[in-house]
Amino acid sequence: MSPAEALQDERVQRVLATVDSIPPGRVASYGQVAEEAGLPRAARFVGSVLKRFINDDEVPWHRVLGSDGTIRVAGGTARDQAQLLRAEGVEVRRGRVDLAECGWCP
């Protein structure tokens, strides 16, 4: 499913709207995004949605991390995610962000 096709799915729209509401300098876990989007226990779904939008500059996918604050994407994309987070003032150490310090509380 292409990003354009994915946008037709209401669940995808809810995930993207939730991710878009995370302010710069803050992060959330995949599970938290799922909960806030009204999709409890759908953290993997959130990950699959965001994977489609990694190249979309309009979607702040980089603000979403694993439940322990770990960057969960691989290779160069992990470096890109860390770089984008640092540009927003988020401290990334060894591929991890302190959720207590930078976590999003809607």
Protein backbone atom coordinates (compact mmCIF):
# COMPACT_ATOMS: atom_id res chain seq x y z
CA MET A 1 0.00 0.00 0.00
CA SER A 2 1.43 3.35 -1.02
CA PRO A 3 1.40 6.38 1.31
CA ALA A 4 -1.39 7.88 -0.83
CA GLU A 5 -3.48 4.72 -0.47
CA ALA A 6 -2.68 4.52 3.24
CA LEU A 7 -4.07 8.00 3.77
CA GLN A 8 -7.51 6.67 2.83
CA ASP A 9 -7.53 4.47 5.97
CA GLU A 10 -9.08 6.21 8.98
CA ARG A 11 -6.74 4.41 11.39
CA VAL A 12 -3.73 5.70 9.45
CA GLN A 13 -5.15 9.21 9.56
CA ARG A 14 -5.56 8.95 13.34
CA VAL A 15 -1.97 7.77 13.78
CA LEU A 16 -0.60 10.56 11.59
CA ALA A 17 -2.68 13.20 13.38
CA THR A 18 -1.41 11.96 16.73
CA VAL A 19 2.21 11.95 15.59
CA ASP A 20 1.74 15.44 14.16
CA SER A 21 0.58 16.67 17.57
CA ILE A 22 3.86 15.69 19.29
CA PRO A 23 5.67 19.01 19.69
CA PRO A 24 9.28 19.55 18.62
CA GLY A 25 11.68 18.53 21.35
CA ARG A 26 9.32 15.85 22.68
CA VAL A 27 9.04 12.15 21.91
CA ALA A 28 6.48 9.38 22.39
CA SER A 29 6.56 5.61 22.21
CA TYR A 30 4.81 3.62 19.51
CA GLY A 31 2.43 2.31 22.18
CA GLN A 32 1.64 5.78 23.46
CA VAL A 33 0.85 6.96 19.92
CA ALA A 34 -1.44 3.95 19.47
CA GLU A 35 -3.26 4.71 22.74
CA GLU A 36 -3.64 8.41 21.94
CA ALA A 37 -4.95 7.53 18.47
CA GLY A 38 -7.61 5.31 20.01
CA LEU A 39 -5.90 2.12 18.86
CA PRO A 40 -4.85 0.38 22.08
CA ARG A 41 -2.33 -2.44 21.74
CA ALA A 42 -1.50 -1.38 18.17
CA ALA A 43 2.12 -0.25 18.59
CA ARG A 44 3.26 -2.44 15.69
CA PHE A 45 0.58 -0.92 13.48
CA VAL A 46 1.93 2.54 14.34
CA GLY A 47 5.41 1.37 13.34
CA SER A 48 4.16 0.00 10.03
CA VAL A 49 2.36 3.26 9.29
CA LEU A 50 5.36 5.43 10.08
CA LYS A 51 7.66 3.23 8.02
CA ARG A 52 5.69 4.32 4.94
CA PHE A 53 6.24 8.00 5.72
CA ILE A 54 9.95 8.10 6.60
CA ASN A 55 10.69 10.05 3.43
CA ASP A 56 7.83 12.49 3.98
CA ASP A 57 9.13 15.73 5.47
CA GLU A 58 5.61 16.62 6.66
CA VAL A 59 5.37 13.66 9.08
CA PRO A 60 7.50 13.99 12.25
CA TRP A 61 8.06 10.20 12.40
CA HIS A 62 11.38 10.74 14.14
CA ARG A 63 9.61 11.71 17.38
CA VAL A 64 8.35 8.15 17.91
CA LEU A 65 10.54 5.62 19.72
CA GLY A 66 10.41 2.25 21.40
CA SER A 67 8.81 1.97 24.85
CA ASP A 68 12.25 2.25 26.48
CA GLY A 69 13.20 5.35 24.46
CA THR A 70 15.25 3.36 21.95
CA ILE A 71 15.47 4.24 18.29
CA ARG A 72 13.92 1.22 16.57
CA VAL A 73 14.73 1.87 12.91
CA ALA A 74 17.83 0.39 11.30
CA GLY A 75 20.93 1.58 9.50
CA GLY A 76 21.17 5.05 8.06
CA THR A 77 17.61 5.81 9.05
CA ALA A 78 18.55 5.43 12.73
CA ARG A 79 21.32 7.98 12.24
CA ASP A 80 18.86 10.27 10.47
CA GLN A 81 16.37 9.91 13.32
CA ALA A 82 19.00 10.72 15.93
CA GLN A 83 20.14 13.72 13.91
CA LEU A 84 16.57 15.04 13.53
CA LEU A 85 15.95 14.62 17.26
CA ARG A 86 19.19 16.38 18.17
CA ALA A 87 18.26 19.27 15.86
CA GLU A 88 15.15 19.69 18.04
CA GLY A 89 17.21 19.73 21.22
CA VAL A 90 16.58 16.12 22.24
CA GLU A 91 19.60 14.39 23.75
CA VAL A 92 20.25 11.00 22.15
CA ARG A 93 22.80 8.73 23.83
CA ARG A 94 23.69 5.36 22.38
CA GLY A 95 20.50 5.29 20.33
CA ARG A 96 18.26 6.08 23.28
CA VAL A 97 16.31 9.07 24.59
CA ASP A 98 15.35 9.61 28.24
CA LEU A 99 11.55 9.47 28.10
CA ALA A 100 11.27 10.93 31.60
CA GLU A 101 13.07 14.03 30.35
CA CYS A 102 11.72 14.37 26.80
CA GLY A 103 8.50 12.38 26.86
CA TRP A 104 5.32 13.88 25.48
CA CYS A 105 2.42 14.39 27.90
CA PRO A 106 -0.65 15.41 25.90
